[in-house]
Amino acid sequence: NRSLVLGFMPVGLAYHAAYAVLVSVMMAILVKFAWPKHLED
């Protein structure tokens, strides 16, 4: 796909930017709910 997002960004790069935001949210969720509590003791 050679189309542009917002007129300047290749769609693949825009996808990976959105993917990076998704991964950051996922990591925050994992830290909140799956972090081993014994590491904090």
PDB file of all heavy atoms in Angstrom:
ATOM      1  N   ASN A   1       0.837  -1.198   0.000  1.00  0.00           N
ATOM      2  CA  ASN A   1       0.000   0.000   0.000  1.00  0.00           C
ATOM      3  C   ASN A   1       0.873   1.250   0.000  1.00  0.00           C
ATOM      4  O   ASN A   1       1.692   1.451   0.884  1.00  0.00           O
ATOM      5  CB  ASN A   1      -0.902  -0.020   1.233  1.00  0.00           C
ATOM      6  CG  ASN A   1      -2.008   0.998   1.159  1.00  0.00           C
ATOM      7  OD1 ASN A   1      -1.919   1.974   0.443  1.00  0.00           O
ATOM      8  ND2 ASN A   1      -3.055   0.738   1.916  1.00  0.00           N
ATOM      9  N   ARG A   2       0.695   2.121  -1.005  1.00  0.00           N
ATOM     10  CA  ARG A   2       1.504   3.333  -1.116  1.00  0.00           C
ATOM     11  C   ARG A   2       0.725   4.592  -0.727  1.00  0.00           C
ATOM     12  O   ARG A   2       1.197   5.699  -0.945  1.00  0.00           O
ATOM     13  CB  ARG A   2       2.024   3.490  -2.537  1.00  0.00           C
ATOM     14  CG  ARG A   2       3.023   2.423  -2.920  1.00  0.00           C
ATOM     15  CD  ARG A   2       3.621   2.763  -4.272  1.00  0.00           C
ATOM     16  NE  ARG A   2       4.763   1.929  -4.543  1.00  0.00           N
ATOM     17  CZ  ARG A   2       6.008   2.280  -4.290  1.00  0.00           C
ATOM     18  NH1 ARG A   2       6.272   3.433  -3.755  1.00  0.00           N
ATOM     19  NH2 ARG A   2       6.991   1.462  -4.574  1.00  0.00           N
ATOM     20  N   SER A   3      -0.431   4.430  -0.130  1.00  0.00           N
ATOM     21  CA  SER A   3      -1.220   5.608   0.236  1.00  0.00           C
ATOM     22  C   SER A   3      -0.607   6.308   1.453  1.00  0.00           C
ATOM     23  O   SER A   3       0.169   5.732   2.211  1.00  0.00           O
ATOM     24  CB  SER A   3      -2.666   5.209   0.515  1.00  0.00           C
ATOM     25  OG  SER A   3      -2.728   4.267   1.545  1.00  0.00           O
ATOM     26  N   LEU A   4      -0.977   7.579   1.612  1.00  0.00           N
ATOM     27  CA  LEU A   4      -0.446   8.395   2.690  1.00  0.00           C
ATOM     28  C   LEU A   4      -1.533   8.715   3.713  1.00  0.00           C
ATOM     29  O   LEU A   4      -2.688   8.913   3.364  1.00  0.00           O
ATOM     30  CB  LEU A   4       0.130   9.707   2.137  1.00  0.00           C
ATOM     31  CG  LEU A   4       1.292   9.570   1.161  1.00  0.00           C
ATOM     32  CD1 LEU A   4       1.681  10.943   0.627  1.00  0.00           C
ATOM     33  CD2 LEU A   4       2.473   8.891   1.805  1.00  0.00           C
ATOM     34  N   VAL A   5      -1.143   8.790   4.974  1.00  0.00           N
ATOM     35  CA  VAL A   5      -2.041   9.187   6.050  1.00  0.00           C
ATOM     36  C   VAL A   5      -1.727  10.636   6.370  1.00  0.00           C
ATOM     37  O   VAL A   5      -0.561  11.012   6.523  1.00  0.00           O
ATOM     38  CB  VAL A   5      -1.834   8.278   7.280  1.00  0.00           C
ATOM     39  CG1 VAL A   5      -2.659   8.755   8.454  1.00  0.00           C
ATOM     40  CG2 VAL A   5      -2.153   6.839   6.936  1.00  0.00           C
ATOM     41  N   LEU A   6      -2.741  11.471   6.471  1.00  0.00           N
ATOM     42  CA  LEU A   6      -2.599  12.905   6.718  1.00  0.00           C
ATOM     43  C   LEU A   6      -1.778  13.598   5.635  1.00  0.00           C
ATOM     44  O   LEU A   6      -1.200  14.652   5.851  1.00  0.00           O
ATOM     45  CB  LEU A   6      -1.977  13.167   8.093  1.00  0.00           C
ATOM     46  CG  LEU A   6      -2.737  12.612   9.300  1.00  0.00           C
ATOM     47  CD1 LEU A   6      -1.946  12.844  10.577  1.00  0.00           C
ATOM     48  CD2 LEU A   6      -4.115  13.225   9.401  1.00  0.00           C
ATOM     49  N   GLY A   7      -1.675  12.971   4.479  1.00  0.00           N
ATOM     50  CA  GLY A   7      -1.019  13.581   3.340  1.00  0.00           C
ATOM     51  C   GLY A   7       0.494  13.473   3.312  1.00  0.00           C
ATOM     52  O   GLY A   7       1.117  13.916   2.350  1.00  0.00           O
ATOM     53  N   PHE A   8       1.123  12.909   4.335  1.00  0.00           N
ATOM     54  CA  PHE A   8       2.590  12.860   4.330  1.00  0.00           C
ATOM     55  C   PHE A   8       3.182  11.562   4.882  1.00  0.00           C
ATOM     56  O   PHE A   8       4.327  11.251   4.616  1.00  0.00           O
ATOM     57  CB  PHE A   8       3.164  14.035   5.147  1.00  0.00           C
ATOM     58  CG  PHE A   8       2.924  13.937   6.620  1.00  0.00           C
ATOM     59  CD1 PHE A   8       3.866  13.368   7.451  1.00  0.00           C
ATOM     60  CD2 PHE A   8       1.746  14.415   7.177  1.00  0.00           C
ATOM     61  CE1 PHE A   8       3.657  13.281   8.822  1.00  0.00           C
ATOM     62  CE2 PHE A   8       1.527  14.340   8.532  1.00  0.00           C
ATOM     63  CZ  PHE A   8       2.483  13.771   9.358  1.00  0.00           C
ATOM     64  N   MET A   9       2.430  10.815   5.655  1.00  0.00           N
ATOM     65  CA  MET A   9       2.986   9.635   6.323  1.00  0.00           C
ATOM     66  C   MET A   9       2.514   8.359   5.623  1.00  0.00           C
ATOM     67  O   MET A   9       1.314   8.167   5.457  1.00  0.00           O
ATOM     68  CB  MET A   9       2.542   9.608   7.793  1.00  0.00           C
ATOM     69  CG  MET A   9       3.203   8.528   8.603  1.00  0.00           C
ATOM     70  SD  MET A   9       2.639   8.454  10.322  1.00  0.00           S
ATOM     71  CE  MET A   9       2.912  10.094  10.895  1.00  0.00           C
ATOM     72  N   PRO A  10       3.463   7.509   5.214  1.00  0.00           N
ATOM     73  CA  PRO A  10       3.053   6.234   4.615  1.00  0.00           C
ATOM     74  C   PRO A  10       2.194   5.439   5.589  1.00  0.00           C
ATOM     75  O   PRO A  10       2.390   5.486   6.804  1.00  0.00           O
ATOM     76  CB  PRO A  10       4.377   5.522   4.354  1.00  0.00           C
ATOM     77  CG  PRO A  10       5.401   6.596   4.352  1.00  0.00           C
ATOM     78  CD  PRO A  10       4.916   7.661   5.261  1.00  0.00           C
ATOM     79  N   VAL A  11       1.232   4.713   5.038  1.00  0.00           N
ATOM     80  CA  VAL A  11       0.270   4.000   5.870  1.00  0.00           C
ATOM     81  C   VAL A  11       0.960   2.957   6.761  1.00  0.00           C
ATOM     82  O   VAL A  11       0.553   2.739   7.902  1.00  0.00           O
ATOM     83  CB  VAL A  11      -0.864   3.390   5.015  1.00  0.00           C
ATOM     84  CG1 VAL A  11      -0.366   2.255   4.156  1.00  0.00           C
ATOM     85  CG2 VAL A  11      -2.010   2.945   5.873  1.00  0.00           C
ATOM     86  N   GLY A  12       2.028   2.350   6.292  1.00  0.00           N
ATOM     87  CA  GLY A  12       2.749   1.379   7.111  1.00  0.00           C
ATOM     88  C   GLY A  12       3.396   2.023   8.328  1.00  0.00           C
ATOM     89  O   GLY A  12       3.389   1.468   9.426  1.00  0.00           O
ATOM     90  N   LEU A  13       3.952   3.224   8.143  1.00  0.00           N
ATOM     91  CA  LEU A  13       4.555   3.942   9.263  1.00  0.00           C
ATOM     92  C   LEU A  13       3.486   4.403  10.256  1.00  0.00           C
ATOM     93  O   LEU A  13       3.686   4.320  11.474  1.00  0.00           O
ATOM     94  CB  LEU A  13       5.354   5.135   8.746  1.00  0.00           C
ATOM     95  CG  LEU A  13       6.087   5.972   9.789  1.00  0.00           C
ATOM     96  CD1 LEU A  13       7.085   5.112  10.552  1.00  0.00           C
ATOM     97  CD2 LEU A  13       6.771   7.150   9.129  1.00  0.00           C
ATOM     98  N   ALA A  14       2.364   4.871   9.748  1.00  0.00           N
ATOM     99  CA  ALA A  14       1.259   5.270  10.626  1.00  0.00           C
ATOM    100  C   ALA A  14       0.737   4.069  11.411  1.00  0.00           C
ATOM    101  O   ALA A  14       0.419   4.189  12.596  1.00  0.00           O
ATOM    102  CB  ALA A  14       0.137   5.900   9.801  1.00  0.00           C
ATOM    103  N   TYR A  15       0.670   2.922  10.750  1.00  0.00           N
ATOM    104  CA  TYR A  15       0.230   1.705  11.438  1.00  0.00           C
ATOM    105  C   TYR A  15       1.183   1.363  12.576  1.00  0.00           C
ATOM    106  O   TYR A  15       0.756   1.040  13.682  1.00  0.00           O
ATOM    107  CB  TYR A  15       0.149   0.542  10.443  1.00  0.00           C
ATOM    108  CG  TYR A  15      -0.243  -0.757  11.091  1.00  0.00           C
ATOM    109  CD1 TYR A  15      -1.568  -1.045  11.347  1.00  0.00           C
ATOM    110  CD2 TYR A  15       0.725  -1.691  11.466  1.00  0.00           C
ATOM    111  CE1 TYR A  15      -1.935  -2.235  11.961  1.00  0.00           C
ATOM    112  CE2 TYR A  15       0.363  -2.878  12.072  1.00  0.00           C
ATOM    113  CZ  TYR A  15      -0.967  -3.143  12.315  1.00  0.00           C
ATOM    114  OH  TYR A  15      -1.322  -4.310  12.926  1.00  0.00           O
ATOM    115  N   HIS A  16       2.476   1.449  12.321  1.00  0.00           N
ATOM    116  CA  HIS A  16       3.432   1.108  13.370  1.00  0.00           C
ATOM    117  C   HIS A  16       3.454   2.145  14.490  1.00  0.00           C
ATOM    118  O   HIS A  16       3.733   1.800  15.648  1.00  0.00           O
ATOM    119  CB  HIS A  16       4.826   0.904  12.785  1.00  0.00           C
ATOM    120  CG  HIS A  16       5.000  -0.465  12.215  1.00  0.00           C
ATOM    121  ND1 HIS A  16       5.173  -1.579  12.989  1.00  0.00           N
ATOM    122  CD2 HIS A  16       4.989  -0.899  10.936  1.00  0.00           C
ATOM    123  CE1 HIS A  16       5.277  -2.645  12.220  1.00  0.00           C
ATOM    124  NE2 HIS A  16       5.156  -2.258  10.963  1.00  0.00           N
ATOM    125  N   ALA A  17       3.161   3.389  14.195  1.00  0.00           N
ATOM    126  CA  ALA A  17       3.034   4.398  15.254  1.00  0.00           C
ATOM    127  C   ALA A  17       1.836   4.066  16.149  1.00  0.00           C
ATOM    128  O   ALA A  17       1.936   4.110  17.380  1.00  0.00           O
ATOM    129  CB  ALA A  17       2.881   5.787  14.639  1.00  0.00           C
ATOM    130  N   ALA A  18       0.720   3.716  15.539  1.00  0.00           N
ATOM    131  CA  ALA A  18      -0.457   3.317  16.322  1.00  0.00           C
ATOM    132  C   ALA A  18      -0.178   2.017  17.076  1.00  0.00           C
ATOM    133  O   ALA A  18      -0.604   1.852  18.226  1.00  0.00           O
ATOM    134  CB  ALA A  18      -1.665   3.149  15.406  1.00  0.00           C
ATOM    135  N   TYR A  19       0.567   1.111  16.466  1.00  0.00           N
ATOM    136  CA  TYR A  19       0.923  -0.145  17.125  1.00  0.00           C
ATOM    137  C   TYR A  19       1.790   0.117  18.355  1.00  0.00           C
ATOM    138  O   TYR A  19       1.617  -0.528  19.388  1.00  0.00           O
ATOM    139  CB  TYR A  19       1.652  -1.066  16.134  1.00  0.00           C
ATOM    140  CG  TYR A  19       2.098  -2.349  16.748  1.00  0.00           C
ATOM    141  CD1 TYR A  19       1.205  -3.378  16.971  1.00  0.00           C
ATOM    142  CD2 TYR A  19       3.422  -2.526  17.142  1.00  0.00           C
ATOM    143  CE1 TYR A  19       1.604  -4.561  17.564  1.00  0.00           C
ATOM    144  CE2 TYR A  19       3.832  -3.703  17.729  1.00  0.00           C
ATOM    145  CZ  TYR A  19       2.923  -4.722  17.925  1.00  0.00           C
ATOM    146  OH  TYR A  19       3.327  -5.892  18.515  1.00  0.00           O
ATOM    147  N   ALA A  20       2.716   1.070  18.260  1.00  0.00           N
ATOM    148  CA  ALA A  20       3.571   1.407  19.398  1.00  0.00           C
ATOM    149  C   ALA A  20       2.736   1.938  20.567  1.00  0.00           C
ATOM    150  O   ALA A  20       2.999   1.620  21.728  1.00  0.00           O
ATOM    151  CB  ALA A  20       4.622   2.422  18.988  1.00  0.00           C
ATOM    152  N   VAL A  21       1.713   2.731  20.267  1.00  0.00           N
ATOM    153  CA  VAL A  21       0.817   3.227  21.317  1.00  0.00           C
ATOM    154  C   VAL A  21       0.055   2.052  21.935  1.00  0.00           C
ATOM    155  O   VAL A  21      -0.075   1.953  23.162  1.00  0.00           O
ATOM    156  CB  VAL A  21      -0.148   4.292  20.759  1.00  0.00           C
ATOM    157  CG1 VAL A  21      -1.208   4.657  21.774  1.00  0.00           C
ATOM    158  CG2 VAL A  21       0.629   5.525  20.318  1.00  0.00           C
ATOM    159  N   LEU A  22      -0.427   1.137  21.109  1.00  0.00           N
ATOM    160  CA  LEU A  22      -1.133  -0.048  21.598  1.00  0.00           C
ATOM    161  C   LEU A  22      -0.245  -0.889  22.504  1.00  0.00           C
ATOM    162  O   LEU A  22      -0.673  -1.345  23.569  1.00  0.00           O
ATOM    163  CB  LEU A  22      -1.637  -0.892  20.425  1.00  0.00           C
ATOM    164  CG  LEU A  22      -2.251  -2.244  20.779  1.00  0.00           C
ATOM    165  CD1 LEU A  22      -3.565  -2.054  21.525  1.00  0.00           C
ATOM    166  CD2 LEU A  22      -2.446  -3.079  19.534  1.00  0.00           C
ATOM    167  N   VAL A  23       1.003  -1.097  22.116  1.00  0.00           N
ATOM    168  CA  VAL A  23       1.924  -1.893  22.925  1.00  0.00           C
ATOM    169  C   VAL A  23       2.206  -1.192  24.255  1.00  0.00           C
ATOM    170  O   VAL A  23       2.302  -1.844  25.300  1.00  0.00           O
ATOM    171  CB  VAL A  23       3.225  -2.172  22.150  1.00  0.00           C
ATOM    172  CG1 VAL A  23       4.291  -2.764  23.045  1.00  0.00           C
ATOM    173  CG2 VAL A  23       2.949  -3.093  20.985  1.00  0.00           C
ATOM    174  N   SER A  24       2.315   0.128  24.246  1.00  0.00           N
ATOM    175  CA  SER A  24       2.531   0.869  25.496  1.00  0.00           C
ATOM    176  C   SER A  24       1.355   0.695  26.444  1.00  0.00           C
ATOM    177  O   SER A  24       1.538   0.497  27.653  1.00  0.00           O
ATOM    178  CB  SER A  24       2.738   2.347  25.198  1.00  0.00           C
ATOM    179  OG  SER A  24       3.876   2.535  24.419  1.00  0.00           O
ATOM    180  N   VAL A  25       0.150   0.751  25.914  1.00  0.00           N
ATOM    181  CA  VAL A  25      -1.043   0.543  26.744  1.00  0.00           C
ATOM    182  C   VAL A  25      -1.074  -0.886  27.266  1.00  0.00           C
ATOM    183  O   VAL A  25      -1.373  -1.133  28.441  1.00  0.00           O
ATOM    184  CB  VAL A  25      -2.322   0.879  25.939  1.00  0.00           C
ATOM    185  CG1 VAL A  25      -3.571   0.441  26.682  1.00  0.00           C
ATOM    186  CG2 VAL A  25      -2.366   2.371  25.637  1.00  0.00           C
ATOM    187  N   MET A  26      -0.727  -1.842  26.406  1.00  0.00           N
ATOM    188  CA  MET A  26      -0.701  -3.233  26.838  1.00  0.00           C
ATOM    189  C   MET A  26       0.314  -3.445  27.957  1.00  0.00           C
ATOM    190  O   MET A  26       0.039  -4.134  28.943  1.00  0.00           O
ATOM    191  CB  MET A  26      -0.369  -4.165  25.675  1.00  0.00           C
ATOM    192  CG  MET A  26      -0.345  -5.626  26.084  1.00  0.00           C
ATOM    193  SD  MET A  26       0.435  -6.736  24.899  1.00  0.00           S
ATOM    194  CE  MET A  26       2.138  -6.245  25.013  1.00  0.00           C
ATOM    195  N   MET A  27       1.490  -2.844  27.844  1.00  0.00           N
ATOM    196  CA  MET A  27       2.505  -2.991  28.887  1.00  0.00           C
ATOM    197  C   MET A  27       2.041  -2.366  30.198  1.00  0.00           C
ATOM    198  O   MET A  27       2.307  -2.903  31.274  1.00  0.00           O
ATOM    199  CB  MET A  27       3.830  -2.383  28.439  1.00  0.00           C
ATOM    200  CG  MET A  27       4.516  -3.184  27.345  1.00  0.00           C
ATOM    201  SD  MET A  27       4.830  -4.904  27.795  1.00  0.00           S
ATOM    202  CE  MET A  27       5.986  -4.699  29.121  1.00  0.00           C
ATOM    203  N   ALA A  28       1.340  -1.238  30.133  1.00  0.00           N
ATOM    204  CA  ALA A  28       0.804  -0.627  31.349  1.00  0.00           C
ATOM    205  C   ALA A  28      -0.224  -1.552  32.009  1.00  0.00           C
ATOM    206  O   ALA A  28      -0.238  -1.702  33.236  1.00  0.00           O
ATOM    207  CB  ALA A  28       0.181   0.726  31.022  1.00  0.00           C
ATOM    208  N   ILE A  29      -1.044  -2.190  31.196  1.00  0.00           N
ATOM    209  CA  ILE A  29      -2.032  -3.143  31.722  1.00  0.00           C
ATOM    210  C   ILE A  29      -1.330  -4.335  32.351  1.00  0.00           C
ATOM    211  O   ILE A  29      -1.692  -4.793  33.439  1.00  0.00           O
ATOM    212  CB  ILE A  29      -3.005  -3.584  30.608  1.00  0.00           C
ATOM    213  CG1 ILE A  29      -3.904  -2.424  30.211  1.00  0.00           C
ATOM    214  CG2 ILE A  29      -3.826  -4.793  31.034  1.00  0.00           C
ATOM    215  CD1 ILE A  29      -4.719  -2.675  28.965  1.00  0.00           C
ATOM    216  N   LEU A  30      -0.292  -4.846  31.693  1.00  0.00           N
ATOM    217  CA  LEU A  30       0.441  -5.985  32.240  1.00  0.00           C
ATOM    218  C   LEU A  30       1.127  -5.633  33.558  1.00  0.00           C
ATOM    219  O   LEU A  30       1.133  -6.426  34.493  1.00  0.00           O
ATOM    220  CB  LEU A  30       1.475  -6.491  31.235  1.00  0.00           C
ATOM    221  CG  LEU A  30       0.912  -7.235  30.033  1.00  0.00           C
ATOM    222  CD1 LEU A  30       2.014  -7.538  29.035  1.00  0.00           C
ATOM    223  CD2 LEU A  30       0.219  -8.503  30.463  1.00  0.00           C
ATOM    224  N   VAL A  31       1.702  -4.441  33.649  1.00  0.00           N
ATOM    225  CA  VAL A  31       2.347  -4.036  34.899  1.00  0.00           C
ATOM    226  C   VAL A  31       1.318  -3.900  36.009  1.00  0.00           C
ATOM    227  O   VAL A  31       1.552  -4.301  37.146  1.00  0.00           O
ATOM    228  CB  VAL A  31       3.133  -2.722  34.697  1.00  0.00           C
ATOM    229  CG1 VAL A  31       3.530  -2.111  36.027  1.00  0.00           C
ATOM    230  CG2 VAL A  31       4.358  -2.966  33.840  1.00  0.00           C
ATOM    231  N   LYS A  32       0.155  -3.362  35.684  1.00  0.00           N
ATOM    232  CA  LYS A  32      -0.869  -3.157  36.705  1.00  0.00           C
ATOM    233  C   LYS A  32      -1.436  -4.487  37.215  1.00  0.00           C
ATOM    234  O   LYS A  32      -1.633  -4.654  38.412  1.00  0.00           O
ATOM    235  CB  LYS A  32      -1.994  -2.307  36.147  1.00  0.00           C
ATOM    236  CG  LYS A  32      -3.152  -2.132  37.107  1.00  0.00           C
ATOM    237  CD  LYS A  32      -3.714  -0.767  37.040  1.00  0.00           C
ATOM    238  CE  LYS A  32      -4.872  -0.591  37.972  1.00  0.00           C
ATOM    239  NZ  LYS A  32      -4.462  -0.300  39.326  1.00  0.00           N
ATOM    240  N   PHE A  33      -1.678  -5.430  36.320  1.00  0.00           N
ATOM    241  CA  PHE A  33      -2.394  -6.642  36.710  1.00  0.00           C
ATOM    242  C   PHE A  33      -1.538  -7.904  36.799  1.00  0.00           C
ATOM    243  O   PHE A  33      -1.979  -8.889  37.385  1.00  0.00           O
ATOM    244  CB  PHE A  33      -3.546  -6.904  35.739  1.00  0.00           C
ATOM    245  CG  PHE A  33      -4.602  -5.853  35.788  1.00  0.00           C
ATOM    246  CD1 PHE A  33      -4.748  -4.958  34.744  1.00  0.00           C
ATOM    247  CD2 PHE A  33      -5.427  -5.740  36.886  1.00  0.00           C
ATOM    248  CE1 PHE A  33      -5.721  -3.973  34.789  1.00  0.00           C
ATOM    249  CE2 PHE A  33      -6.394  -4.752  36.946  1.00  0.00           C
ATOM    250  CZ  PHE A  33      -6.540  -3.873  35.892  1.00  0.00           C
ATOM    251  N   ALA A  34      -0.339  -7.917  36.244  1.00  0.00           N
ATOM    252  CA  ALA A  34       0.443  -9.154  36.239  1.00  0.00           C
ATOM    253  C   ALA A  34       1.826  -8.994  36.856  1.00  0.00           C
ATOM    254  O   ALA A  34       2.621  -9.926  36.814  1.00  0.00           O
ATOM    255  CB  ALA A  34       0.589  -9.662  34.804  1.00  0.00           C
ATOM    256  N   TRP A  35       2.133  -7.841  37.416  1.00  0.00           N
ATOM    257  CA  TRP A  35       3.452  -7.639  38.026  1.00  0.00           C
ATOM    258  C   TRP A  35       3.579  -8.507  39.278  1.00  0.00           C
ATOM    259  O   TRP A  35       2.703  -8.490  40.130  1.00  0.00           O
ATOM    260  CB  TRP A  35       3.628  -6.166  38.393  1.00  0.00           C
ATOM    261  CG  TRP A  35       5.019  -5.840  38.830  1.00  0.00           C
ATOM    262  CD1 TRP A  35       5.464  -5.766  40.109  1.00  0.00           C
ATOM    263  CD2 TRP A  35       6.139  -5.552  37.999  1.00  0.00           C
ATOM    264  NE1 TRP A  35       6.788  -5.448  40.120  1.00  0.00           N
ATOM    265  CE2 TRP A  35       7.240  -5.309  38.842  1.00  0.00           C
ATOM    266  CE3 TRP A  35       6.322  -5.490  36.625  1.00  0.00           C
ATOM    267  CZ2 TRP A  35       8.489  -4.994  38.350  1.00  0.00           C
ATOM    268  CZ3 TRP A  35       7.576  -5.176  36.142  1.00  0.00           C
ATOM    269  CH2 TRP A  35       8.638  -4.934  37.006  1.00  0.00           C
ATOM    270  N   PRO A  36       4.666  -9.252  39.422  1.00  0.00           N
ATOM    271  CA  PRO A  36       4.833 -10.087  40.611  1.00  0.00           C
ATOM    272  C   PRO A  36       5.022  -9.221  41.864  1.00  0.00           C
ATOM    273  O   PRO A  36       5.953  -8.433  41.941  1.00  0.00           O
ATOM    274  CB  PRO A  36       6.089 -10.905  40.322  1.00  0.00           C
ATOM    275  CG  PRO A  36       6.537 -10.549  38.968  1.00  0.00           C
ATOM    276  CD  PRO A  36       5.733  -9.428  38.456  1.00  0.00           C
ATOM    277  N   LYS A  37       4.136  -9.385  42.814  1.00  0.00           N
ATOM    278  CA  LYS A  37       4.156  -8.554  44.023  1.00  0.00           C
ATOM    279  C   LYS A  37       5.392  -8.804  44.877  1.00  0.00           C
ATOM    280  O   LYS A  37       5.856  -7.912  45.566  1.00  0.00           O
ATOM    281  CB  LYS A  37       2.895  -8.809  44.864  1.00  0.00           C
ATOM    282  CG  LYS A  37       1.614  -8.520  44.133  1.00  0.00           C
ATOM    283  CD  LYS A  37       1.470  -7.056  43.834  1.00  0.00           C
ATOM    284  CE  LYS A  37       0.121  -6.829  43.162  1.00  0.00           C
ATOM    285  NZ  LYS A  37       0.068  -5.642  42.383  1.00  0.00           N
ATOM    286  N   HIS A  38       5.948 -10.004  44.827  1.00  0.00           N
ATOM    287  CA  HIS A  38       7.108 -10.295  45.668  1.00  0.00           C
ATOM    288  C   HIS A  38       8.345  -9.487  45.272  1.00  0.00           C
ATOM    289  O   HIS A  38       9.261  -9.326  46.060  1.00  0.00           O
ATOM    290  CB  HIS A  38       7.419 -11.798  45.654  1.00  0.00           C
ATOM    291  CG  HIS A  38       7.984 -12.282  44.359  1.00  0.00           C
ATOM    292  ND1 HIS A  38       7.185 -12.595  43.275  1.00  0.00           N
ATOM    293  CD2 HIS A  38       9.260 -12.481  43.966  1.00  0.00           C
ATOM    294  CE1 HIS A  38       7.953 -12.983  42.280  1.00  0.00           C
ATOM    295  NE2 HIS A  38       9.216 -12.920  42.669  1.00  0.00           N
ATOM    296  N   LEU A  39       8.383  -8.962  44.060  1.00  0.00           N
ATOM    297  CA  LEU A  39       9.515  -8.141  43.643  1.00  0.00           C
ATOM    298  C   LEU A  39       9.532  -6.784  44.335  1.00  0.00           C
ATOM    299  O   LEU A  39      10.558  -6.130  44.391  1.00  0.00           O
ATOM    300  CB  LEU A  39       9.496  -7.944  42.130  1.00  0.00           C
ATOM    301  CG  LEU A  39       9.728  -9.199  41.302  1.00  0.00           C
ATOM    302  CD1 LEU A  39       9.641  -8.869  39.823  1.00  0.00           C
ATOM    303  CD2 LEU A  39      11.067  -9.815  41.628  1.00  0.00           C
ATOM    304  N   GLU A  40       8.389  -6.360  44.854  1.00  0.00           N
ATOM    305  CA  GLU A  40       8.305  -5.084  45.547  1.00  0.00           C
ATOM    306  C   GLU A  40       8.647  -5.204  47.025  1.00  0.00           C
ATOM    307  O   GLU A  40       8.833  -4.202  47.701  1.00  0.00           O
ATOM    308  CB  GLU A  40       6.893  -4.504  45.402  1.00  0.00           C
ATOM    309  CG  GLU A  40       6.480  -4.265  43.964  1.00  0.00           C
ATOM    310  CD  GLU A  40       7.383  -3.261  43.253  1.00  0.00           C
ATOM    311  OE1 GLU A  40       7.837  -2.298  43.896  1.00  0.00           O
ATOM    312  OE2 GLU A  40       7.645  -3.472  42.054  1.00  0.00           O
ATOM    313  N   ASP A  41       8.756  -6.413  47.557  1.00  0.00           N
ATOM    314  CA  ASP A  41       9.045  -6.630  48.970  1.00  0.00           C
ATOM    315  C   ASP A  41      10.552  -6.659  49.208  1.00  0.00           C
ATOM    316  O   ASP A  41      11.147  -7.687  49.460  1.00  0.00           O
ATOM    317  CB  ASP A  41       8.419  -7.947  49.451  1.00  0.00           C
ATOM    318  CG  ASP A  41       6.913  -7.918  49.361  1.00  0.00           C
ATOM    319  OD1 ASP A  41       6.352  -6.809  49.435  1.00  0.00           O
ATOM    320  OD2 ASP A  41       6.311  -8.983  49.214  1.00  0.00           O
TER     321      ASP A  41
END
